[in-house]
C-alpha atoms as a PDB file:
ATOM      1  CA  UNK A   1       0.000   0.000   0.000  1.00  0.00           C
ATOM      2  CA  UNK A   2       1.289   3.471  -0.889  1.00  0.00           C
ATOM      3  CA  UNK A   3       0.843   5.686   2.165  1.00  0.00           C
ATOM      4  CA  UNK A   4      -0.241   8.652   0.084  1.00  0.00           C
ATOM      5  CA  UNK A   5      -3.203   6.577  -1.116  1.00  0.00           C
ATOM      6  CA  UNK A   6      -4.509   5.682   2.360  1.00  0.00           C
ATOM      7  CA  UNK A   7      -8.208   6.374   2.989  1.00  0.00           C
ATOM      8  CA  UNK A   8     -10.344   6.192   6.121  1.00  0.00           C
ATOM      9  CA  UNK A   9     -11.614   2.786   5.005  1.00  0.00           C
ATOM     10  CA  UNK A  10      -8.090   1.391   5.235  1.00  0.00           C
ATOM     11  CA  UNK A  11      -7.865   1.753   9.015  1.00  0.00           C
ATOM     12  CA  UNK A  12      -8.385  -1.305  11.217  1.00  0.00           C
ATOM     13  CA  UNK A  13     -10.981  -1.152  13.977  1.00  0.00           C
ATOM     14  CA  UNK A  14      -9.930  -0.912  17.642  1.00  0.00           C
ATOM     15  CA  UNK A  15     -10.794  -4.516  18.467  1.00  0.00           C
ATOM     16  CA  UNK A  16      -8.403  -5.850  15.831  1.00  0.00           C
ATOM     17  CA  UNK A  17      -5.474  -3.445  16.239  1.00  0.00           C
ATOM     18  CA  UNK A  18      -3.504  -5.391  18.853  1.00  0.00           C
ATOM     19  CA  UNK A  19      -4.025  -8.784  17.242  1.00  0.00           C
ATOM     20  CA  UNK A  20      -3.012  -7.445  13.844  1.00  0.00           C
ATOM     21  CA  UNK A  21       0.037  -5.729  15.326  1.00  0.00           C
ATOM     22  CA  UNK A  22       1.217  -8.968  16.924  1.00  0.00           C
ATOM     23  CA  UNK A  23       0.562 -10.859  13.702  1.00  0.00           C
ATOM     24  CA  UNK A  24       2.736  -8.378  11.802  1.00  0.00           C
ATOM     25  CA  UNK A  25       5.530  -8.715  14.357  1.00  0.00           C
ATOM     26  CA  UNK A  26       5.383 -12.516  14.122  1.00  0.00           C
ATOM     27  CA  UNK A  27       5.488 -12.332  10.328  1.00  0.00           C
ATOM     28  CA  UNK A  28       8.476  -9.984  10.309  1.00  0.00           C
ATOM     29  CA  UNK A  29      10.431 -12.123  12.785  1.00  0.00           C
ATOM     30  CA  UNK A  30      10.210 -15.593  11.235  1.00  0.00           C
ATOM     31  CA  UNK A  31      11.231 -18.757  13.033  1.00  0.00           C
ATOM     32  CA  UNK A  32      13.694 -19.699  14.341  1.00  0.00           C
ATOM     33  CA  UNK A  33      13.511 -16.594  16.501  1.00  0.00           C
ATOM     34  CA  UNK A  34      16.244 -15.405  18.892  1.00  0.00           C
ATOM     35  CA  UNK A  35      13.778 -15.798  21.780  1.00  0.00           C
ATOM     36  CA  UNK A  36      11.402 -18.672  22.431  1.00  0.00           C
ATOM     37  CA  UNK A  37       8.284 -19.345  24.487  1.00  0.00           C
ATOM     38  CA  UNK A  38       7.559 -16.912  27.278  1.00  0.00           C
ATOM     39  CA  UNK A  39      10.650 -14.854  26.503  1.00  0.00           C
ATOM     40  CA  UNK A  40       9.334 -14.293  22.977  1.00  0.00           C
ATOM     41  CA  UNK A  41       5.951 -13.204  24.350  1.00  0.00           C
ATOM     42  CA  UNK A  42       7.744 -10.572  26.425  1.00  0.00           C
ATOM     43  CA  UNK A  43      10.045  -9.361  23.647  1.00  0.00           C
ATOM     44  CA  UNK A  44       7.146  -9.293  21.190  1.00  0.00           C
ATOM     45  CA  UNK A  45       5.222  -7.071  23.612  1.00  0.00           C
ATOM     46  CA  UNK A  46       8.259  -4.788  23.876  1.00  0.00           C
ATOM     47  CA  UNK A  47       8.428  -4.530  20.087  1.00  0.00           C
ATOM     48  CA  UNK A  48       4.690  -3.880  19.993  1.00  0.00           C
ATOM     49  CA  UNK A  49       5.180  -1.006  22.461  1.00  0.00           C
ATOM     50  CA  UNK A  50       8.066   0.641  20.610  1.00  0.00           C
ATOM     51  CA  UNK A  51       7.822  -0.527  16.970  1.00  0.00           C
ATOM     52  CA  UNK A  52      11.548  -1.128  17.386  1.00  0.00           C
ATOM     53  CA  UNK A  53      12.859  -4.438  16.077  1.00  0.00           C
ATOM     54  CA  UNK A  54      16.293  -3.642  17.478  1.00  0.00           C
ATOM     55  CA  UNK A  55      14.893  -5.065  20.721  1.00  0.00           C
ATOM     56  CA  UNK A  56      15.756  -8.454  19.229  1.00  0.00           C
ATOM     57  CA  UNK A  57      19.435  -7.575  19.621  1.00  0.00           C
ATOM     58  CA  UNK A  58      19.274  -5.620  22.846  1.00  0.00           C
ATOM     59  CA  UNK A  59      17.039  -7.510  25.294  1.00  0.00           C
ATOM     60  CA  UNK A  60      18.767  -9.547  27.988  1.00  0.00           C
ATOM     61  CA  UNK A  61      17.133 -12.030  30.375  1.00  0.00           C
ATOM     62  CA  UNK A  62      18.552 -13.461  33.561  1.00  0.00           C
ATOM     63  CA  UNK A  63      18.034 -17.214  33.369  1.00  0.00           C
ATOM     64  CA  UNK A  64      15.546 -17.138  36.266  1.00  0.00           C
ATOM     65  CA  UNK A  65      13.831 -13.859  35.383  1.00  0.00           C
ATOM     66  CA  UNK A  66      10.662 -15.195  33.766  1.00  0.00           C
ATOM     67  CA  UNK A  67      10.024 -17.949  36.305  1.00  0.00           C
ATOM     68  CA  UNK A  68      10.784 -15.722  39.274  1.00  0.00           C
ATOM     69  CA  UNK A  69       8.725 -12.833  37.920  1.00  0.00           C
ATOM     70  CA  UNK A  70       5.730 -15.044  37.171  1.00  0.00           C
ATOM     71  CA  UNK A  71       5.846 -16.639  40.622  1.00  0.00           C
ATOM     72  CA  UNK A  72       5.971 -13.201  42.245  1.00  0.00           C
ATOM     73  CA  UNK A  73       2.999 -11.958  40.246  1.00  0.00           C
ATOM     74  CA  UNK A  74       0.975 -15.079  41.029  1.00  0.00           C
ATOM     75  CA  UNK A  75       1.742 -14.523  44.719  1.00  0.00           C
ATOM     76  CA  UNK A  76       0.376 -10.962  44.613  1.00  0.00           C
ATOM     77  CA  UNK A  77       3.606  -9.001  44.292  1.00  0.00           C
ATOM     78  CA  UNK A  78       4.061  -5.402  45.315  1.00  0.00           C
ATOM     79  CA  UNK A  79       5.659  -3.558  42.395  1.00  0.00           C
ATOM     80  CA  UNK A  80       7.531  -0.266  42.756  1.00  0.00           C
ATOM     81  CA  UNK A  81       8.421   1.862  39.763  1.00  0.00           C
ATOM     82  CA  UNK A  82      10.298   5.101  39.257  1.00  0.00           C
ATOM     83  CA  UNK A  83       7.709   6.987  37.187  1.00  0.00           C
ATOM     84  CA  UNK A  84       3.995   7.671  37.225  1.00  0.00           C
ATOM     85  CA  UNK A  85       3.993   6.902  33.512  1.00  0.00           C
ATOM     86  CA  UNK A  86       5.191   3.360  34.167  1.00  0.00           C
ATOM     87  CA  UNK A  87       2.694   2.975  37.007  1.00  0.00           C
ATOM     88  CA  UNK A  88      -0.148   3.982  34.704  1.00  0.00           C
ATOM     89  CA  UNK A  89       1.253   1.661  32.037  1.00  0.00           C
ATOM     90  CA  UNK A  90       0.595  -1.359  34.266  1.00  0.00           C
ATOM     91  CA  UNK A  91      -3.218  -1.307  34.353  1.00  0.00           C
ATOM     92  CA  UNK A  92      -5.232  -2.595  37.271  1.00  0.00           C
ATOM     93  CA  UNK A  93      -7.281  -4.834  34.998  1.00  0.00           C
ATOM     94  CA  UNK A  94      -4.177  -7.021  34.696  1.00  0.00           C
ATOM     95  CA  UNK A  95      -2.798  -6.642  38.223  1.00  0.00           C
ATOM     96  CA  UNK A  96      -5.967  -6.798  40.333  1.00  0.00           C
ATOM     97  CA  UNK A  97      -6.888 -10.370  39.337  1.00  0.00           C
ATOM     98  CA  UNK A  98      -3.440 -11.453  40.515  1.00  0.00           C
ATOM     99  CA  UNK A  99      -3.683  -9.537  43.787  1.00  0.00           C
ATOM    100  CA  UNK A 100      -0.755  -7.316  42.770  1.00  0.00           C
ATOM    101  CA  UNK A 101      -0.283  -3.611  43.387  1.00  0.00           C
ATOM    102  CA  UNK A 102       2.006  -1.029  41.826  1.00  0.00           C
ATOM    103  CA  UNK A 103       3.344   2.132  43.429  1.00  0.00           C
ATOM    104  CA  UNK A 104       5.462   5.096  42.412  1.00  0.00           C
ATOM    105  CA  UNK A 105       7.080   6.895  45.330  1.00  0.00           C
ATOM    106  CA  UNK A 106       8.599   9.864  43.515  1.00  0.00           C
ATOM    107  CA  UNK A 107       6.119  12.328  45.066  1.00  0.00           C
ATOM    108  CA  UNK A 108       5.861  10.580  48.423  1.00  0.00           C
ATOM    109  CA  UNK A 109       6.480  12.999  51.310  1.00  0.00           C
ATOM    110  CA  UNK A 110       9.085  10.692  52.833  1.00  0.00           C
ATOM    111  CA  UNK A 111      10.983  10.582  49.551  1.00  0.00           C
ATOM    112  CA  UNK A 112      10.875  14.333  49.014  1.00  0.00           C
ATOM    113  CA  UNK A 113      12.096  14.986  52.564  1.00  0.00           C
ATOM    114  CA  UNK A 114      14.866  12.398  52.326  1.00  0.00           C
ATOM    115  CA  UNK A 115      16.112  13.679  48.987  1.00  0.00           C
ATOM    116  CA  UNK A 116      16.232  17.244  50.309  1.00  0.00           C
ATOM    117  CA  UNK A 117      17.902  16.296  53.581  1.00  0.00           C
ATOM    118  CA  UNK A 118      20.580  14.085  52.003  1.00  0.00           C
ATOM    119  CA  UNK A 119      21.124  16.063  48.802  1.00  0.00           C
ATOM    120  CA  UNK A 120      20.306  13.095  46.560  1.00  0.00           C
ATOM    121  CA  UNK A 121      17.911  12.566  43.688  1.00  0.00           C
ATOM    122  CA  UNK A 122      14.324  11.623  44.424  1.00  0.00           C
ATOM    123  CA  UNK A 123      14.904   8.471  42.387  1.00  0.00           C
ATOM    124  CA  UNK A 124      17.597   7.369  44.844  1.00  0.00           C
ATOM    125  CA  UNK A 125      15.520   8.360  47.838  1.00  0.00           C
ATOM    126  CA  UNK A 126      12.517   6.462  46.454  1.00  0.00           C
ATOM    127  CA  UNK A 127      14.562   3.269  46.250  1.00  0.00           C
ATOM    128  CA  UNK A 128      15.788   3.801  49.804  1.00  0.00           C
ATOM    129  CA  UNK A 129      12.225   4.158  51.093  1.00  0.00           C
ATOM    130  CA  UNK A 130      11.027   1.194  49.051  1.00  0.00           C
ATOM    131  CA  UNK A 131      13.798  -1.055  50.354  1.00  0.00           C
ATOM    132  CA  UNK A 132      13.467  -0.021  53.995  1.00  0.00           C
ATOM    133  CA  UNK A 133       9.701   0.351  54.328  1.00  0.00           C
ATOM    134  CA  UNK A 134       7.811  -1.357  51.492  1.00  0.00           C
ATOM    135  CA  UNK A 135      10.076  -4.244  50.500  1.00  0.00           C
ATOM    136  CA  UNK A 136       8.565  -4.805  47.043  1.00  0.00           C
ATOM    137  CA  UNK A 137       9.108  -8.057  45.202  1.00  0.00           C
ATOM    138  CA  UNK A 138       9.467  -6.367  41.801  1.00  0.00           C
ATOM    139  CA  UNK A 139      11.258  -3.156  40.826  1.00  0.00           C
ATOM    140  CA  UNK A 140      10.524  -1.489  37.490  1.00  0.00           C
ATOM    141  CA  UNK A 141      12.999   1.222  36.453  1.00  0.00           C
ATOM    142  CA  UNK A 142      12.155   2.928  33.185  1.00  0.00           C
ATOM    143  CA  UNK A 143      13.688   6.350  33.562  1.00  0.00           C
ATOM    144  CA  UNK A 144      16.296   7.034  36.230  1.00  0.00           C
ATOM    145  CA  UNK A 145      19.744   5.424  36.121  1.00  0.00           C
ATOM    146  CA  UNK A 146      20.290   6.626  39.688  1.00  0.00           C
ATOM    147  CA  UNK A 147      17.405   4.428  40.841  1.00  0.00           C
ATOM    148  CA  UNK A 148      18.902   1.338  39.254  1.00  0.00           C
ATOM    149  CA  UNK A 149      22.378   2.109  40.586  1.00  0.00           C
ATOM    150  CA  UNK A 150      20.971   2.578  44.091  1.00  0.00           C
ATOM    151  CA  UNK A 151      19.124  -0.722  43.869  1.00  0.00           C
ATOM    152  CA  UNK A 152      22.360  -2.489  42.933  1.00  0.00           C
ATOM    153  CA  UNK A 153      24.088  -0.845  45.901  1.00  0.00           C
ATOM    154  CA  UNK A 154      21.422  -2.180  48.254  1.00  0.00           C
ATOM    155  CA  UNK A 155      21.737  -5.622  46.684  1.00  0.00           C
ATOM    156  CA  UNK A 156      25.506  -5.561  47.193  1.00  0.00           C
ATOM    157  CA  UNK A 157      24.950  -4.646  50.848  1.00  0.00           C
ATOM    158  CA  UNK A 158      22.551  -7.536  51.351  1.00  0.00           C
ATOM    159  CA  UNK A 159      19.539  -5.290  51.955  1.00  0.00           C
ATOM    160  CA  UNK A 160      17.407  -6.446  49.038  1.00  0.00           C
ATOM    161  CA  UNK A 161      16.865  -9.588  47.012  1.00  0.00           C
ATOM    162  CA  UNK A 162      14.015  -8.900  44.571  1.00  0.00           C
ATOM    163  CA  UNK A 163      12.173 -11.536  42.608  1.00  0.00           C
ATOM    164  CA  UNK A 164      12.593  -9.426  39.469  1.00  0.00           C
ATOM    165  CA  UNK A 165      14.176  -6.185  38.335  1.00  0.00           C
ATOM    166  CA  UNK A 166      13.002  -4.673  35.070  1.00  0.00           C
ATOM    167  CA  UNK A 167      15.882  -2.282  34.453  1.00  0.00           C
ATOM    168  CA  UNK A 168      15.398  -0.030  31.433  1.00  0.00           C
ATOM    169  CA  UNK A 169      16.486   3.535  32.224  1.00  0.00           C
ATOM    170  CA  UNK A 170      16.772   5.646  29.103  1.00  0.00           C
ATOM    171  CA  UNK A 171      19.196   8.378  28.118  1.00  0.00           C
ATOM    172  CA  UNK A 172      22.742   9.436  27.462  1.00  0.00           C
ATOM    173  CA  UNK A 173      24.197   9.766  30.974  1.00  0.00           C
ATOM    174  CA  UNK A 174      24.656   6.589  33.019  1.00  0.00           C
ATOM    175  CA  UNK A 175      21.738   4.756  31.403  1.00  0.00           C
ATOM    176  CA  UNK A 176      23.832   2.178  29.548  1.00  0.00           C
ATOM    177  CA  UNK A 177      26.270   1.963  32.437  1.00  0.00           C
ATOM    178  CA  UNK A 178      23.554   1.324  35.038  1.00  0.00           C
ATOM    179  CA  UNK A 179      22.155  -1.521  32.956  1.00  0.00           C
ATOM    180  CA  UNK A 180      25.623  -3.002  32.531  1.00  0.00           C
ATOM    181  CA  UNK A 181      25.908  -2.906  36.326  1.00  0.00           C
ATOM    182  CA  UNK A 182      22.626  -4.793  36.638  1.00  0.00           C
ATOM    183  CA  UNK A 183      23.834  -7.414  34.161  1.00  0.00           C
ATOM    184  CA  UNK A 184      26.862  -8.091  36.345  1.00  0.00           C
ATOM    185  CA  UNK A 185      24.783  -8.952  39.421  1.00  0.00           C
ATOM    186  CA  UNK A 186      22.762 -11.991  40.443  1.00  0.00           C
ATOM    187  CA  UNK A 187      19.326 -10.411  40.673  1.00  0.00           C
ATOM    188  CA  UNK A 188      16.770 -11.836  38.221  1.00  0.00           C
ATOM    189  CA  UNK A 189      16.482  -9.144  35.556  1.00  0.00           C
ATOM    190  CA  UNK A 190      15.011  -8.195  32.247  1.00  0.00           C
ATOM    191  CA  UNK A 191      16.999  -5.377  30.708  1.00  0.00           C
ATOM    192  CA  UNK A 192      18.265  -3.970  27.424  1.00  0.00           C
ATOM    193  CA  UNK A 193      21.767  -2.968  26.516  1.00  0.00           C
ATOM    194  CA  UNK A 194      22.655   0.580  25.578  1.00  0.00           C
ATOM    195  CA  UNK A 195      20.854   3.916  25.775  1.00  0.00           C
ATOM    196  CA  UNK A 196      17.333   2.856  24.858  1.00  0.00           C
ATOM    197  CA  UNK A 197      14.606   2.246  27.402  1.00  0.00           C
ATOM    198  CA  UNK A 198      11.782   4.204  28.941  1.00  0.00           C
ATOM    199  CA  UNK A 199       8.745   3.866  31.148  1.00  0.00           C
ATOM    200  CA  UNK A 200       6.420   2.434  28.492  1.00  0.00           C
ATOM    201  CA  UNK A 201       8.988  -0.193  27.552  1.00  0.00           C
ATOM    202  CA  UNK A 202       9.589  -1.210  31.163  1.00  0.00           C
ATOM    203  CA  UNK A 203       5.858  -1.402  31.860  1.00  0.00           C
ATOM    204  CA  UNK A 204       5.343  -3.598  28.805  1.00  0.00           C
ATOM    205  CA  UNK A 205       7.459  -6.332  30.407  1.00  0.00           C
ATOM    206  CA  UNK A 206       5.178  -6.510  33.442  1.00  0.00           C
ATOM    207  CA  UNK A 207       2.123  -6.426  31.177  1.00  0.00           C
ATOM    208  CA  UNK A 208       3.452  -9.366  29.194  1.00  0.00           C
ATOM    209  CA  UNK A 209       4.233 -11.339  32.354  1.00  0.00           C
ATOM    210  CA  UNK A 210       0.818 -10.539  33.838  1.00  0.00           C
ATOM    211  CA  UNK A 211      -0.912 -11.724  30.666  1.00  0.00           C
ATOM    212  CA  UNK A 212       1.033 -14.979  30.833  1.00  0.00           C
ATOM    213  CA  UNK A 213       0.240 -15.381  34.536  1.00  0.00           C
ATOM    214  CA  UNK A 214      -3.452 -14.820  33.891  1.00  0.00           C
END
């Protein structure tokens, strides 16, 4: 189809959009695929979210990430994320049936006060509060490298052992480096190499896992 010739009749209805999108992704990534089974369902959802087939080269899974993440969701995990966008990207219609909840602490009074008192970013302070007071099973980092770095520090100090870390901070300063740090540790992770990432991408991983769990 030539794009200049598109008419209103050419657009697919809302009920078919997702199914058609996934069909297109499957057709453009023929078998044998670099990811199989549940990992492919997650990566396919990430491609669906970004329209970026480079995910096929960039996504990295810890060997226990899928199993550990699914078990946590089925047990009603508490999920903490670093942005409101990611929180909104994990809809209650998928989390409520599993008994899961998702929180973003960036505007929490405790976080704001701690960041101001210690002269650190709110992203760091939010991880500190989450680790000490909430103890979530799953961490979803889609924006702030400082959040992911702080989480690794707490892991190194034996203060946290999450069931899953979705580590996908985006940007040009410390984003790639923070993900490389995550890759070097033993926490179950889903991450991507390099500068790409973002809240929508990170949320898509939890959505894919929740859909599998359901």
